Amino acid sequence: MYKFIITIETVDGGRDKILERAPQAQAATRNEPGCIAYDFYTCTDNPNGLVFVETWVDQAAHDFHMEQEHTKSFIATMNNSTNL
C-alpha cells in the first residue's frame, strides 16, 4: 500500500477555488486503477488549511495518477491557491 497525507495552507480565497475543483478531481481519481481512497478534509482549527489523504495499491498506481491531465490540472489549481 502507498499512502499520502498532505496538509496545505491556502492563500486568501484559495481554499474555495480548490474545494470547487475537488469533487471533479476526486471522482476522476477514484476511477483510476489502483486507487483505494482519495479524500479531502478542511481543517477545523484553520480556515485556510486543507488535508488530502490518498491511498494507492502501489507506487505504480500513484505514478499513473500523477500523469493524468485531471491530476495536472488540479495540481495547477492548488499551486495557484497556496504558497507552495
N, C-alpha and C. Protein backbone atom coordinates (compact mmCIF):
# COMPACT_ATOMS: atom_id res chain seq x y z
N MET A 1 0.84 -1.18 0.00
CA MET A 1 0.00 0.00 0.00
C MET A 1 0.89 1.24 0.00
N TYR A 2 0.41 2.27 -0.67
CA TYR A 2 1.14 3.52 -0.84
C TYR A 2 0.20 4.63 -0.38
N LYS A 3 0.55 5.35 0.68
CA LYS A 3 -0.36 6.32 1.27
C LYS A 3 0.30 7.67 1.45
N PHE A 4 -0.50 8.72 1.22
CA PHE A 4 -0.06 10.10 1.42
C PHE A 4 -1.05 10.82 2.31
N ILE A 5 -0.54 11.61 3.22
CA ILE A 5 -1.35 12.56 3.99
C ILE A 5 -0.68 13.91 3.80
N ILE A 6 -1.37 14.80 3.11
CA ILE A 6 -0.79 16.07 2.70
C ILE A 6 -1.60 17.20 3.32
N THR A 7 -0.93 18.11 4.00
CA THR A 7 -1.58 19.28 4.57
C THR A 7 -1.08 20.51 3.82
N ILE A 8 -2.01 21.35 3.38
CA ILE A 8 -1.61 22.57 2.69
C ILE A 8 -2.26 23.78 3.34
N GLU A 9 -1.62 24.90 3.17
CA GLU A 9 -2.11 26.20 3.64
C GLU A 9 -2.43 27.03 2.41
N THR A 10 -3.68 27.43 2.27
CA THR A 10 -4.08 28.20 1.10
C THR A 10 -3.94 29.70 1.36
N VAL A 11 -3.84 30.44 0.28
CA VAL A 11 -3.86 31.90 0.37
C VAL A 11 -5.32 32.33 0.48
N ASP A 12 -5.57 33.58 0.81
CA ASP A 12 -6.95 34.06 0.90
C ASP A 12 -7.70 33.79 -0.41
N GLY A 13 -8.84 33.14 -0.30
CA GLY A 13 -9.64 32.79 -1.47
C GLY A 13 -9.24 31.49 -2.13
N GLY A 14 -8.05 30.99 -1.83
CA GLY A 14 -7.56 29.77 -2.46
C GLY A 14 -8.32 28.52 -2.04
N ARG A 15 -8.71 28.48 -0.77
CA ARG A 15 -9.45 27.31 -0.26
C ARG A 15 -10.70 27.06 -1.10
N ASP A 16 -11.46 28.12 -1.35
CA ASP A 16 -12.69 27.98 -2.12
C ASP A 16 -12.42 27.51 -3.55
N LYS A 17 -11.36 28.01 -4.16
CA LYS A 17 -11.01 27.59 -5.53
C LYS A 17 -10.68 26.10 -5.57
N ILE A 18 -9.91 25.64 -4.58
CA ILE A 18 -9.55 24.23 -4.54
C ILE A 18 -10.78 23.37 -4.28
N LEU A 19 -11.59 23.76 -3.31
CA LEU A 19 -12.77 22.96 -2.97
C LEU A 19 -13.80 22.94 -4.10
N GLU A 20 -13.81 23.97 -4.92
CA GLU A 20 -14.69 24.00 -6.08
C GLU A 20 -14.30 22.92 -7.08
N ARG A 21 -13.01 22.70 -7.24
CA ARG A 21 -12.48 21.70 -8.19
C ARG A 21 -12.38 20.30 -7.59
N ALA A 22 -12.38 20.21 -6.27
CA ALA A 22 -12.12 18.93 -5.59
C ALA A 22 -13.07 17.80 -5.98
N PRO A 23 -14.39 18.02 -6.05
CA PRO A 23 -15.26 16.89 -6.40
C PRO A 23 -14.95 16.28 -7.76
N GLN A 24 -14.64 17.11 -8.74
CA GLN A 24 -14.30 16.61 -10.08
C GLN A 24 -13.00 15.81 -10.03
N ALA A 25 -12.00 16.34 -9.37
CA ALA A 25 -10.72 15.64 -9.25
C ALA A 25 -10.89 14.33 -8.48
N GLN A 26 -11.69 14.38 -7.44
CA GLN A 26 -11.92 13.19 -6.62
C GLN A 26 -12.61 12.09 -7.43
N ALA A 27 -13.65 12.44 -8.15
CA ALA A 27 -14.37 11.44 -8.94
C ALA A 27 -13.47 10.80 -10.00
N ALA A 28 -12.71 11.63 -10.71
CA ALA A 28 -11.82 11.10 -11.75
C ALA A 28 -10.75 10.21 -11.15
N THR A 29 -10.20 10.62 -10.03
CA THR A 29 -9.13 9.86 -9.39
C THR A 29 -9.65 8.54 -8.84
N ARG A 30 -10.80 8.56 -8.22
CA ARG A 30 -11.35 7.32 -7.65
C ARG A 30 -11.64 6.28 -8.72
N ASN A 31 -11.78 6.71 -9.97
CA ASN A 31 -11.99 5.77 -11.07
C ASN A 31 -10.70 5.21 -11.66
N GLU A 32 -9.58 5.71 -11.20
CA GLU A 32 -8.30 5.22 -11.71
C GLU A 32 -7.98 3.83 -11.15
N PRO A 33 -7.31 3.01 -11.95
CA PRO A 33 -6.89 1.70 -11.43
C PRO A 33 -5.89 1.89 -10.29
N GLY A 34 -6.09 1.14 -9.23
CA GLY A 34 -5.16 1.17 -8.11
C GLY A 34 -5.48 2.19 -7.03
N CYS A 35 -6.52 3.00 -7.24
CA CYS A 35 -6.90 3.98 -6.22
C CYS A 35 -7.76 3.27 -5.17
N ILE A 36 -7.31 3.31 -3.94
CA ILE A 36 -8.07 2.74 -2.82
C ILE A 36 -8.92 3.83 -2.18
N ALA A 37 -8.35 5.01 -1.98
CA ALA A 37 -9.08 6.13 -1.38
C ALA A 37 -8.44 7.44 -1.82
N TYR A 38 -9.29 8.46 -1.97
CA TYR A 38 -8.83 9.80 -2.34
C TYR A 38 -9.81 10.78 -1.74
N ASP A 39 -9.41 11.43 -0.63
CA ASP A 39 -10.34 12.25 0.13
C ASP A 39 -9.73 13.59 0.50
N PHE A 40 -10.60 14.58 0.73
CA PHE A 40 -10.22 15.93 1.11
C PHE A 40 -10.92 16.29 2.41
N TYR A 41 -10.23 17.04 3.24
CA TYR A 41 -10.80 17.48 4.51
C TYR A 41 -10.42 18.93 4.74
N THR A 42 -11.31 19.68 5.37
CA THR A 42 -10.98 21.03 5.80
C THR A 42 -10.52 20.97 7.25
N CYS A 43 -9.60 21.82 7.59
CA CYS A 43 -9.10 21.88 8.96
C CYS A 43 -10.11 22.61 9.84
N THR A 44 -10.39 22.05 10.99
CA THR A 44 -11.35 22.69 11.89
C THR A 44 -10.75 23.86 12.64
N ASP A 45 -9.45 23.89 12.75
CA ASP A 45 -8.80 24.97 13.51
C ASP A 45 -8.07 25.99 12.63
N ASN A 46 -8.22 25.86 11.31
CA ASN A 46 -7.52 26.76 10.39
C ASN A 46 -8.39 26.93 9.14
N PRO A 47 -9.01 28.07 8.94
CA PRO A 47 -9.90 28.25 7.80
C PRO A 47 -9.19 28.17 6.44
N ASN A 48 -7.88 28.29 6.41
CA ASN A 48 -7.13 28.20 5.16
C ASN A 48 -6.43 26.85 4.98
N GLY A 49 -6.65 25.93 5.91
CA GLY A 49 -5.97 24.64 5.85
C GLY A 49 -6.81 23.56 5.21
N LEU A 50 -6.17 22.72 4.41
CA LEU A 50 -6.80 21.55 3.79
C LEU A 50 -5.90 20.34 3.99
N VAL A 51 -6.52 19.18 4.10
CA VAL A 51 -5.78 17.93 4.23
C VAL A 51 -6.27 16.98 3.14
N PHE A 52 -5.33 16.37 2.46
CA PHE A 52 -5.61 15.40 1.41
C PHE A 52 -5.08 14.05 1.87
N VAL A 53 -5.89 13.01 1.73
CA VAL A 53 -5.47 11.66 2.09
C VAL A 53 -5.66 10.78 0.86
N GLU A 54 -4.57 10.20 0.40
CA GLU A 54 -4.59 9.33 -0.78
C GLU A 54 -4.05 7.96 -0.39
N THR A 55 -4.71 6.92 -0.87
CA THR A 55 -4.21 5.56 -0.66
C THR A 55 -4.25 4.83 -2.00
N TRP A 56 -3.12 4.23 -2.34
CA TRP A 56 -2.93 3.53 -3.62
C TRP A 56 -2.46 2.11 -3.37
N VAL A 57 -2.72 1.23 -4.31
CA VAL A 57 -2.26 -0.15 -4.14
C VAL A 57 -0.74 -0.24 -4.17
N ASP A 58 -0.10 0.64 -4.95
CA ASP A 58 1.36 0.63 -5.03
C ASP A 58 1.84 1.93 -5.67
N GLN A 59 3.13 2.09 -5.74
CA GLN A 59 3.71 3.30 -6.31
C GLN A 59 3.37 3.43 -7.79
N ALA A 60 3.30 2.34 -8.50
CA ALA A 60 2.98 2.40 -9.94
C ALA A 60 1.61 3.03 -10.17
N ALA A 61 0.64 2.71 -9.32
CA ALA A 61 -0.70 3.31 -9.44
C ALA A 61 -0.63 4.81 -9.20
N HIS A 62 0.15 5.21 -8.21
CA HIS A 62 0.29 6.65 -7.95
C HIS A 62 1.04 7.34 -9.09
N ASP A 63 2.06 6.71 -9.61
CA ASP A 63 2.78 7.28 -10.75
C ASP A 63 1.85 7.50 -11.93
N PHE A 64 0.97 6.53 -12.20
CA PHE A 64 -0.02 6.66 -13.27
C PHE A 64 -0.92 7.86 -13.00
N HIS A 65 -1.38 7.98 -11.76
CA HIS A 65 -2.24 9.10 -11.35
C HIS A 65 -1.57 10.44 -11.63
N MET A 66 -0.31 10.55 -11.32
CA MET A 66 0.41 11.82 -11.49
C MET A 66 0.56 12.23 -12.95
N GLU A 67 0.38 11.31 -13.88
CA GLU A 67 0.50 11.61 -15.31
C GLU A 67 -0.84 11.98 -15.95
N GLN A 68 -1.93 11.88 -15.22
CA GLN A 68 -3.25 12.16 -15.79
C GLN A 68 -3.49 13.67 -15.90
N GLU A 69 -4.18 14.08 -16.96
CA GLU A 69 -4.45 15.51 -17.17
C GLU A 69 -5.28 16.11 -16.04
N HIS A 70 -6.25 15.36 -15.52
CA HIS A 70 -7.06 15.91 -14.43
C HIS A 70 -6.21 16.13 -13.18
N THR A 71 -5.20 15.31 -12.97
CA THR A 71 -4.30 15.49 -11.83
C THR A 71 -3.44 16.73 -12.04
N LYS A 72 -2.86 16.86 -13.21
CA LYS A 72 -2.02 18.01 -13.51
C LYS A 72 -2.80 19.32 -13.40
N SER A 73 -4.04 19.31 -13.86
CA SER A 73 -4.88 20.50 -13.79
C SER A 73 -5.21 20.85 -12.34
N PHE A 74 -5.51 19.84 -11.53
CA PHE A 74 -5.85 20.08 -10.13
C PHE A 74 -4.62 20.57 -9.36
N ILE A 75 -3.46 20.02 -9.66
CA ILE A 75 -2.23 20.47 -9.01
C ILE A 75 -1.96 21.94 -9.39
N ALA A 76 -2.21 22.31 -10.64
CA ALA A 76 -2.03 23.71 -11.05
C ALA A 76 -2.96 24.62 -10.26
N THR A 77 -4.19 24.19 -10.03
CA THR A 77 -5.13 24.97 -9.22
C THR A 77 -4.58 25.12 -7.80
N MET A 78 -4.06 24.04 -7.25
CA MET A 78 -3.51 24.12 -5.89
C MET A 78 -2.29 25.04 -5.85
N ASN A 79 -1.42 24.94 -6.84
CA ASN A 79 -0.22 25.78 -6.86
C ASN A 79 -0.58 27.26 -6.96
N ASN A 80 -1.67 27.58 -7.63
CA ASN A 80 -2.11 28.97 -7.76
C ASN A 80 -2.89 29.45 -6.53
N SER A 81 -3.20 28.53 -5.62
CA SER A 81 -4.04 28.85 -4.46
C SER A 81 -3.33 28.69 -3.14
N THR A 82 -2.03 28.40 -3.18
CA THR A 82 -1.25 28.16 -1.97
C THR A 82 0.08 28.89 -2.05
N ASN A 83 0.84 28.78 -1.02
CA ASN A 83 2.20 29.32 -1.01
C ASN A 83 3.21 28.19 -1.22
N LEU A 84 2.85 27.19 -2.00
CA LEU A 84 3.76 26.05 -2.24
C LEU A 84 4.96 26.48 -3.04
